Amino acid sequence: QVQLVESGGGLVQPGGSLTLSCVASVSNFWIYTVSWYRQTPGNQRELVASARPYGTRDYADSVKGRFTISRDNRENMVNLQMNSLQPEDTAMYYCNLKSSSSPEIWGQGTQVTVSS
């Protein structure tokens, strides 16, 4: 069964850093666009960052310069390094895999709370 397992969420003070990790139990991980989304109660899930198969990275304007997405195709892993965290970054963060030849896959989410 295809599965995404996220880790790394938690409570951090404003200005702090966290790294989220997502490990995927899929074949041919390299063909997928891997992304991180986030969602707060009552709001739609929003795209935070994506890493396409051949290296292109995309970021939401709100996180540019602070967050970095990276992928390791040998380890089937995607990370999100988050720096200079602010209270508005508080959300449930979800890992996502997408390709043209497979159903979209979501992780269970990991909570990030930025508070003093």
C-alpha atoms as a PDB file:
ATOM      1  CA  GLN A   1       0.000   0.000   0.000  1.00  0.00           C
ATOM      2  CA  VAL A   2       1.309   3.419  -0.977  1.00  0.00           C
ATOM      3  CA  GLN A   3       2.038   5.524   2.073  1.00  0.00           C
ATOM      4  CA  LEU A   4       3.543   8.880   2.978  1.00  0.00           C
ATOM      5  CA  VAL A   5       4.936   9.303   6.480  1.00  0.00           C
ATOM      6  CA  GLU A   6       5.615  12.851   7.671  1.00  0.00           C
ATOM      7  CA  SER A   7       7.641  13.935  10.662  1.00  0.00           C
ATOM      8  CA  GLY A   8       9.338  16.973  12.134  1.00  0.00           C
ATOM      9  CA  GLY A   9       6.437  19.154  13.186  1.00  0.00           C
ATOM     10  CA  GLY A  10       6.208  20.740  16.613  1.00  0.00           C
ATOM     11  CA  LEU A  11       6.164  23.931  18.629  1.00  0.00           C
ATOM     12  CA  VAL A  12       8.728  26.615  17.855  1.00  0.00           C
ATOM     13  CA  GLN A  13       9.192  30.237  18.858  1.00  0.00           C
ATOM     14  CA  PRO A  14       8.912  33.041  16.306  1.00  0.00           C
ATOM     15  CA  GLY A  15      12.148  33.333  14.378  1.00  0.00           C
ATOM     16  CA  GLY A  16      12.954  29.690  14.901  1.00  0.00           C
ATOM     17  CA  SER A  17      13.444  26.840  12.459  1.00  0.00           C
ATOM     18  CA  LEU A  18      12.006  23.412  11.784  1.00  0.00           C
ATOM     19  CA  THR A  19      12.615  20.741   9.168  1.00  0.00           C
ATOM     20  CA  LEU A  20       9.749  18.587   7.991  1.00  0.00           C
ATOM     21  CA  SER A  21      10.443  15.218   6.394  1.00  0.00           C
ATOM     22  CA  CYS A  22       8.280  12.936   4.298  1.00  0.00           C
ATOM     23  CA  VAL A  23       9.188   9.398   3.301  1.00  0.00           C
ATOM     24  CA  ALA A  24       7.224   7.710   0.533  1.00  0.00           C
ATOM     25  CA  SER A  25       6.672   4.003   0.012  1.00  0.00           C
ATOM     26  CA  VAL A  26       6.336   4.203  -3.765  1.00  0.00           C
ATOM     27  CA  SER A  27       8.189   2.887  -6.754  1.00  0.00           C
ATOM     28  CA  ASN A  28       9.886   5.308  -9.116  1.00  0.00           C
ATOM     29  CA  PHE A  29       9.766   8.171  -6.646  1.00  0.00           C
ATOM     30  CA  TRP A  30      11.725  10.307  -9.084  1.00  0.00           C
ATOM     31  CA  ILE A  31       8.780  10.641 -11.500  1.00  0.00           C
ATOM     32  CA  TYR A  32       6.631  12.454  -8.968  1.00  0.00           C
ATOM     33  CA  THR A  33       6.273  16.124  -8.298  1.00  0.00           C
ATOM     34  CA  VAL A  34       6.624  16.321  -4.521  1.00  0.00           C
ATOM     35  CA  SER A  35       4.996  19.138  -2.605  1.00  0.00           C
ATOM     36  CA  TRP A  36       4.197  20.490   0.821  1.00  0.00           C
ATOM     37  CA  TYR A  37       0.804  22.033   1.504  1.00  0.00           C
ATOM     38  CA  ARG A  38      -0.570  23.585   4.658  1.00  0.00           C
ATOM     39  CA  GLN A  39      -4.002  24.155   6.075  1.00  0.00           C
ATOM     40  CA  THR A  40      -5.494  26.057   8.994  1.00  0.00           C
ATOM     41  CA  PRO A  41      -8.974  25.446  10.424  1.00  0.00           C
ATOM     42  CA  GLY A  42     -11.701  26.825   8.202  1.00  0.00           C
ATOM     43  CA  ASN A  43      -9.375  27.511   5.300  1.00  0.00           C
ATOM     44  CA  GLN A  44      -8.454  25.735   2.093  1.00  0.00           C
ATOM     45  CA  ARG A  45      -5.266  23.790   1.802  1.00  0.00           C
ATOM     46  CA  GLU A  46      -2.591  25.955   0.185  1.00  0.00           C
ATOM     47  CA  LEU A  47       0.545  25.024  -1.701  1.00  0.00           C
ATOM     48  CA  VAL A  48       3.734  25.933   0.160  1.00  0.00           C
ATOM     49  CA  ALA A  49       6.483  24.472  -2.033  1.00  0.00           C
ATOM     50  CA  SER A  50       6.969  21.977  -4.862  1.00  0.00           C
ATOM     51  CA  ALA A  51       9.915  20.101  -6.316  1.00  0.00           C
ATOM     52  CA  ARG A  52       9.417  18.726  -9.818  1.00  0.00           C
ATOM     53  CA  PRO A  53      11.216  15.632 -11.118  1.00  0.00           C
ATOM     54  CA  TYR A  54      13.925  17.524 -12.994  1.00  0.00           C
ATOM     55  CA  GLY A  55      14.848  20.109 -10.402  1.00  0.00           C
ATOM     56  CA  THR A  56      12.431  23.015 -10.709  1.00  0.00           C
ATOM     57  CA  ARG A  57      11.369  24.411  -7.353  1.00  0.00           C
ATOM     58  CA  ASP A  58       8.314  26.559  -6.755  1.00  0.00           C
ATOM     59  CA  TYR A  59       7.376  28.452  -3.617  1.00  0.00           C
ATOM     60  CA  ALA A  60       4.417  30.398  -2.314  1.00  0.00           C
ATOM     61  CA  ASP A  61       5.235  34.096  -2.139  1.00  0.00           C
ATOM     62  CA  SER A  62       4.702  34.039   1.615  1.00  0.00           C
ATOM     63  CA  VAL A  63       7.581  31.601   2.176  1.00  0.00           C
ATOM     64  CA  LYS A  64      10.099  32.607  -0.487  1.00  0.00           C
ATOM     65  CA  GLY A  65      13.508  33.204   1.026  1.00  0.00           C
ATOM     66  CA  ARG A  66      12.565  31.418   4.255  1.00  0.00           C
ATOM     67  CA  PHE A  67      11.615  27.873   3.239  1.00  0.00           C
ATOM     68  CA  THR A  68      13.591  25.402   1.137  1.00  0.00           C
ATOM     69  CA  ILE A  69      12.250  22.188  -0.348  1.00  0.00           C
ATOM     70  CA  SER A  70      14.618  19.370  -1.197  1.00  0.00           C
ATOM     71  CA  ARG A  71      14.247  15.818  -2.405  1.00  0.00           C
ATOM     72  CA  ASP A  72      16.354  12.681  -2.215  1.00  0.00           C
ATOM     73  CA  ASN A  73      15.286  10.250  -4.922  1.00  0.00           C
ATOM     74  CA  ARG A  74      17.454   7.457  -3.535  1.00  0.00           C
ATOM     75  CA  GLU A  75      15.789   7.642  -0.124  1.00  0.00           C
ATOM     76  CA  ASN A  76      12.265   8.468  -1.431  1.00  0.00           C
ATOM     77  CA  MET A  77      12.318  11.519   0.798  1.00  0.00           C
ATOM     78  CA  VAL A  78      11.265  15.143   0.565  1.00  0.00           C
ATOM     79  CA  ASN A  79      12.195  17.718   3.190  1.00  0.00           C
ATOM     80  CA  LEU A  80      11.014  21.216   3.934  1.00  0.00           C
ATOM     81  CA  GLN A  81      13.521  23.406   5.769  1.00  0.00           C
ATOM     82  CA  MET A  82      11.633  26.257   7.403  1.00  0.00           C
ATOM     83  CA  ASN A  83      13.531  29.260   8.756  1.00  0.00           C
ATOM     84  CA  SER A  84      12.433  32.547  10.300  1.00  0.00           C
ATOM     85  CA  LEU A  85       9.123  31.024  11.245  1.00  0.00           C
ATOM     86  CA  GLN A  86       6.278  33.355  12.106  1.00  0.00           C
ATOM     87  CA  PRO A  87       2.937  32.804  13.863  1.00  0.00           C
ATOM     88  CA  GLU A  88       1.174  32.940  10.493  1.00  0.00           C
ATOM     89  CA  ASP A  89       3.098  29.798   9.491  1.00  0.00           C
ATOM     90  CA  THR A  90       1.146  27.852  12.089  1.00  0.00           C
ATOM     91  CA  ALA A  91      -0.774  25.136  10.271  1.00  0.00           C
ATOM     92  CA  MET A  92      -1.082  21.443   9.572  1.00  0.00           C
ATOM     93  CA  TYR A  93       1.485  20.609   6.923  1.00  0.00           C
ATOM     94  CA  TYR A  94       0.850  17.861   4.383  1.00  0.00           C
ATOM     95  CA  CYS A  95       3.153  16.020   2.039  1.00  0.00           C
ATOM     96  CA  ASN A  96       1.838  15.372  -1.478  1.00  0.00           C
ATOM     97  CA  LEU A  97       2.984  13.292  -4.432  1.00  0.00           C
ATOM     98  CA  LYS A  98       1.588  13.823  -7.901  1.00  0.00           C
ATOM     99  CA  SER A  99       2.307  12.379 -11.326  1.00  0.00           C
ATOM    100  CA  SER A 100       0.504  12.072 -14.623  1.00  0.00           C
ATOM    101  CA  SER A 101       0.380   8.280 -14.373  1.00  0.00           C
ATOM    102  CA  SER A 102      -0.663   7.662 -10.756  1.00  0.00           C
ATOM    103  CA  PRO A 103      -3.336   8.778  -8.310  1.00  0.00           C
ATOM    104  CA  GLU A 104      -2.452  11.737  -6.124  1.00  0.00           C
ATOM    105  CA  ILE A 105      -1.097  10.735  -2.715  1.00  0.00           C
ATOM    106  CA  TRP A 106      -1.427  12.642   0.591  1.00  0.00           C
ATOM    107  CA  GLY A 107       0.241  12.185   3.921  1.00  0.00           C
ATOM    108  CA  GLN A 108      -1.563  12.324   7.238  1.00  0.00           C
ATOM    109  CA  GLY A 109      -0.171  15.748   8.144  1.00  0.00           C
ATOM    110  CA  THR A 110       2.163  17.113  10.786  1.00  0.00           C
ATOM    111  CA  GLN A 111       1.318  20.102  12.973  1.00  0.00           C
ATOM    112  CA  VAL A 112       3.552  23.165  13.078  1.00  0.00           C
ATOM    113  CA  THR A 113       2.848  25.742  15.766  1.00  0.00           C
ATOM    114  CA  VAL A 114       4.778  28.994  15.962  1.00  0.00           C
ATOM    115  CA  SER A 115       4.193  30.732  19.266  1.00  0.00           C
ATOM    116  CA  SER A 116       6.049  32.397  22.084  1.00  0.00           C
END
